[in-house]
Amino acid sequence: MIKVVYYLLRFQKNINYMTTAKLTRSRDRMLGGVCGGIADYLGWDPTLVRILYVAASILSAAFPGTLVYIILWIVMPSD
């Protein structure tokens, strides 16, 4: 029960952060800063977002990861 309350409070903190944060490319870049920007927006670790993005790209044939990354690289404003 305590863990549930902890995760709900943590989730609420992330929601509050997301409403004030802007989705921009990060300066913490590996390639274009897209995953780093998404991580900053969500309040997550950039490495975790990068790993999840690569895993989703590899494991799912319906998720064209490279194309989506390039589109986000073009569309997302720089930090």
Foldseek 3Di string as FASTA:
>chain_A
DVVVVVVVVVQVVQVVQLVPDDQAFDPPDPDQRNLVSVCNNRVHDSVVSVVVLVCCCVVDPVCPSVVVVVVSSVPGHHD
